[in-house]
C-alpha cells in the first residue's frame, strides 16, 4: 500500500531550496510514495518558491515520473518490432480488455498497472511480457491468461480480473 505522508522539511533539508533541487526532490518523493501526489507537488512548489505548473512541467516531461499510484504488479507488454510482428499488439489488447484498463492505467483495486513498452531487449523470445521484474518470452494469449490468473490468485485469493470471457 502506498504511504500518503512524507516529511517535506527533511527532504528540503537534504536537497535545499534551489530550483536545481526540483528533480532530486521529486525522485525521492516518488521513491518513498511510489508516485508524486498533488499534495507533494504543492509542497515542493511552495518550498522552492516556484509555480505548481513548473513542477508539473518536469513531472510530465520525464517518463520516469508518475502522477498516480502504480498497481502492485506492473505488466509491460513489448510492442517493439519483433514482438509486434509476433502478436504483441494482440496480447496487449487482450490484457487491456481483461483488466479493463488502457496503457498507463491501474485496475480499480490497485492490483495491476498495464504499460506498453518499445523494447524489453528480448527480441529472440518475442512476443515478450514482463510482470514486475520477471520476463516471460514466447507468449500467447492463453499463456498470458494463465500468468494473470496466477498473479491475481496469489494476491487476493481470487482472480476476479481475469475471466475466460475476455477472449
Protein backbone atom coordinates (compact mmCIF):
# COMPACT_ATOMS: atom_id res chain seq x y z
CA UNK A 1 0.00 0.00 0.00
CA UNK A 2 1.25 3.49 -0.84
CA UNK A 3 2.23 5.72 2.06
CA UNK A 4 0.46 9.06 1.78
CA UNK A 5 2.69 11.10 4.10
CA UNK A 6 6.15 12.47 3.56
CA UNK A 7 8.34 14.86 5.52
CA UNK A 8 8.91 17.77 3.14
CA UNK A 9 11.08 19.57 5.71
CA UNK A 10 13.52 16.66 5.87
CA UNK A 11 13.64 16.44 2.07
CA UNK A 12 14.27 20.17 1.73
CA UNK A 13 16.98 19.98 4.38
CA UNK A 14 18.73 17.25 2.35
CA UNK A 15 18.29 18.82 -1.07
CA UNK A 16 17.98 22.56 -0.47
CA UNK A 17 15.57 25.17 -1.81
CA UNK A 18 17.30 25.85 -5.11
CA UNK A 19 15.46 25.22 -8.36
CA UNK A 20 18.17 22.65 -9.18
CA UNK A 21 16.79 20.58 -6.28
CA UNK A 22 13.47 20.02 -8.04
CA UNK A 23 14.24 16.75 -9.83
CA UNK A 24 16.07 15.11 -6.89
CA UNK A 25 13.19 16.11 -4.59
CA UNK A 26 10.60 14.63 -6.95
CA UNK A 27 12.67 11.47 -7.38
CA UNK A 28 12.88 10.96 -3.63
CA UNK A 29 9.18 11.61 -3.14
CA UNK A 30 8.36 9.08 -5.82
CA UNK A 31 10.81 6.60 -4.33
CA UNK A 32 9.06 6.88 -0.95
CA UNK A 33 5.45 7.01 -2.14
CA UNK A 34 5.55 5.21 -5.48
CA UNK A 35 4.31 8.32 -7.30
CA UNK A 36 4.17 12.10 -6.85
CA UNK A 37 0.80 13.09 -5.37
CA UNK A 38 -0.83 16.52 -5.75
CA UNK A 39 -0.07 17.40 -2.13
CA UNK A 40 3.64 16.84 -2.76
CA UNK A 41 3.55 19.00 -5.88
CA UNK A 42 2.00 21.86 -3.89
CA UNK A 43 4.52 21.48 -1.06
CA UNK A 44 7.53 21.34 -3.38
CA UNK A 45 6.34 24.38 -5.33
CA UNK A 46 5.80 26.30 -2.10
CA UNK A 47 9.17 25.35 -0.64
CA UNK A 48 11.13 26.08 -3.83
CA UNK A 49 9.13 29.27 -4.44
CA UNK A 50 8.06 28.22 -7.94
CA UNK A 51 4.67 27.78 -9.58
CA UNK A 52 2.96 24.38 -9.38
CA UNK A 53 2.78 24.34 -13.18
CA UNK A 54 6.58 24.36 -13.27
CA UNK A 55 6.61 21.21 -11.14
CA UNK A 56 4.02 19.63 -13.47
CA UNK A 57 6.14 20.54 -16.48
CA UNK A 58 9.02 18.48 -15.08
CA UNK A 59 6.78 15.62 -14.00
CA UNK A 60 5.14 15.32 -17.40
CA UNK A 61 8.33 15.84 -19.42
CA UNK A 62 10.29 12.97 -17.87
CA UNK A 63 8.89 9.47 -18.36
CA UNK A 64 10.31 8.31 -15.02
CA UNK A 65 7.70 10.22 -13.02
CA UNK A 66 4.19 9.05 -12.21
CA UNK A 67 1.26 11.17 -11.05
CA UNK A 68 -0.86 8.21 -10.00
CA UNK A 69 -0.04 5.14 -7.93
CA UNK A 70 1.06 2.03 -9.79
CA UNK A 71 -0.51 -1.31 -9.14
CA UNK A 72 1.03 -3.99 -7.00
CA UNK A 73 2.06 -5.69 -10.24
CA UNK A 74 3.24 -3.85 -13.34
CA UNK A 75 2.58 -5.64 -16.61
CA UNK A 76 4.74 -4.49 -19.52
CA UNK A 77 3.80 -5.71 -22.97
CA UNK A 78 6.54 -5.26 -25.53
CA UNK A 79 5.43 -3.68 -28.78
CA UNK A 80 8.84 -3.42 -30.42
CA UNK A 81 9.21 -4.63 -33.99
CA UNK A 82 9.84 -8.32 -33.27
CA UNK A 83 7.14 -8.52 -30.61
CA UNK A 84 4.67 -6.60 -32.74
CA UNK A 85 5.24 -8.92 -35.71
CA UNK A 86 4.82 -11.96 -33.45
CA UNK A 87 1.50 -10.79 -31.96
CA UNK A 88 2.45 -8.33 -29.22
CA UNK A 89 -0.39 -5.95 -30.09
CA UNK A 90 -2.95 -8.75 -29.82
CA UNK A 91 -1.55 -9.65 -26.40
CA UNK A 92 -1.64 -6.02 -25.30
CA UNK A 93 -5.25 -5.68 -26.49
CA UNK A 94 -6.20 -8.87 -24.65
CA UNK A 95 -4.63 -7.77 -21.36
CA UNK A 96 -6.20 -4.34 -21.70
CA UNK A 97 -9.63 -5.86 -22.28
CA UNK A 98 -9.32 -8.39 -19.45
CA UNK A 99 -8.16 -5.84 -16.90
CA UNK A 100 -10.41 -3.06 -18.15
CA UNK A 101 -7.56 -0.56 -18.36
CA UNK A 102 -5.62 1.22 -21.07
CA UNK A 103 -1.88 1.82 -21.28
CA UNK A 104 -0.59 3.55 -18.17
CA UNK A 105 -3.71 2.82 -16.14
CA UNK A 106 -4.15 0.80 -12.96
CA UNK A 107 -7.02 -1.52 -12.09
CA UNK A 108 -9.50 -0.08 -9.60
CA UNK A 109 -8.33 -2.43 -6.86
CA UNK A 110 -4.69 -1.43 -7.37
CA UNK A 111 -3.52 -4.92 -8.33
CA UNK A 112 -2.29 -4.34 -11.92
CA UNK A 113 -0.85 -1.47 -13.94
CA UNK A 114 -0.61 -2.00 -17.70
CA UNK A 115 2.22 -0.47 -19.71
CA UNK A 116 3.23 -0.73 -23.33
CA UNK A 117 6.98 -0.62 -23.91
CA UNK A 118 9.03 -0.14 -27.06
CA UNK A 119 11.50 -2.92 -26.29
CA UNK A 120 12.40 -5.24 -23.44
CA UNK A 121 15.60 -6.40 -25.15
CA UNK A 122 14.45 -9.99 -25.64
CA UNK A 123 13.65 -9.94 -29.34
CA UNK A 124 14.65 -13.58 -29.79
CA UNK A 125 11.86 -14.57 -27.38
CA UNK A 126 9.12 -12.46 -29.00
CA UNK A 127 6.43 -11.72 -28.07
CA UNK A 128 7.51 -10.77 -24.55
CA UNK A 129 5.54 -9.76 -21.46
CA UNK A 130 7.17 -8.68 -18.19
CA UNK A 131 5.29 -8.85 -14.93
CA UNK A 132 7.17 -6.92 -12.30
CA UNK A 133 10.80 -7.86 -12.95
CA UNK A 134 10.10 -11.28 -14.42
CA UNK A 135 10.28 -11.59 -18.20
CA UNK A 136 8.10 -14.14 -19.98
CA UNK A 137 9.01 -14.92 -23.58
CA UNK A 138 7.19 -16.58 -26.47
CA UNK A 139 3.84 -15.56 -25.08
CA UNK A 140 0.41 -16.34 -26.42
CA UNK A 141 -2.95 -15.11 -25.20
CA UNK A 142 -3.55 -18.39 -23.36
CA UNK A 143 -0.12 -18.20 -21.65
CA UNK A 144 -0.76 -14.60 -20.62
CA UNK A 145 -4.20 -15.54 -19.33
CA UNK A 146 -2.55 -18.15 -17.09
CA UNK A 147 0.05 -15.64 -15.85
CA UNK A 148 -2.67 -13.11 -14.96
CA UNK A 149 -4.71 -15.73 -13.14
CA UNK A 150 -1.68 -16.86 -11.14
CA UNK A 151 -0.80 -13.32 -10.07
CA UNK A 152 -4.38 -12.43 -9.20
CA UNK A 153 -4.85 -15.66 -7.23
CA UNK A 154 -1.60 -15.22 -5.33
CA UNK A 155 -2.53 -11.69 -4.27
CA UNK A 156 -6.18 -11.70 -3.42
CA UNK A 157 -7.12 -15.35 -3.32
CA UNK A 158 -9.29 -14.89 -6.35
CA UNK A 159 -8.86 -13.94 -9.96
CA UNK A 160 -11.73 -11.54 -10.41
CA UNK A 161 -9.88 -9.54 -13.06
CA UNK A 162 -9.26 -12.46 -15.32
CA UNK A 163 -12.16 -14.20 -16.97
CA UNK A 164 -12.27 -16.60 -19.88
CA UNK A 165 -14.99 -14.44 -21.43
CA UNK A 166 -12.44 -11.74 -22.22
CA UNK A 167 -11.05 -13.61 -25.22
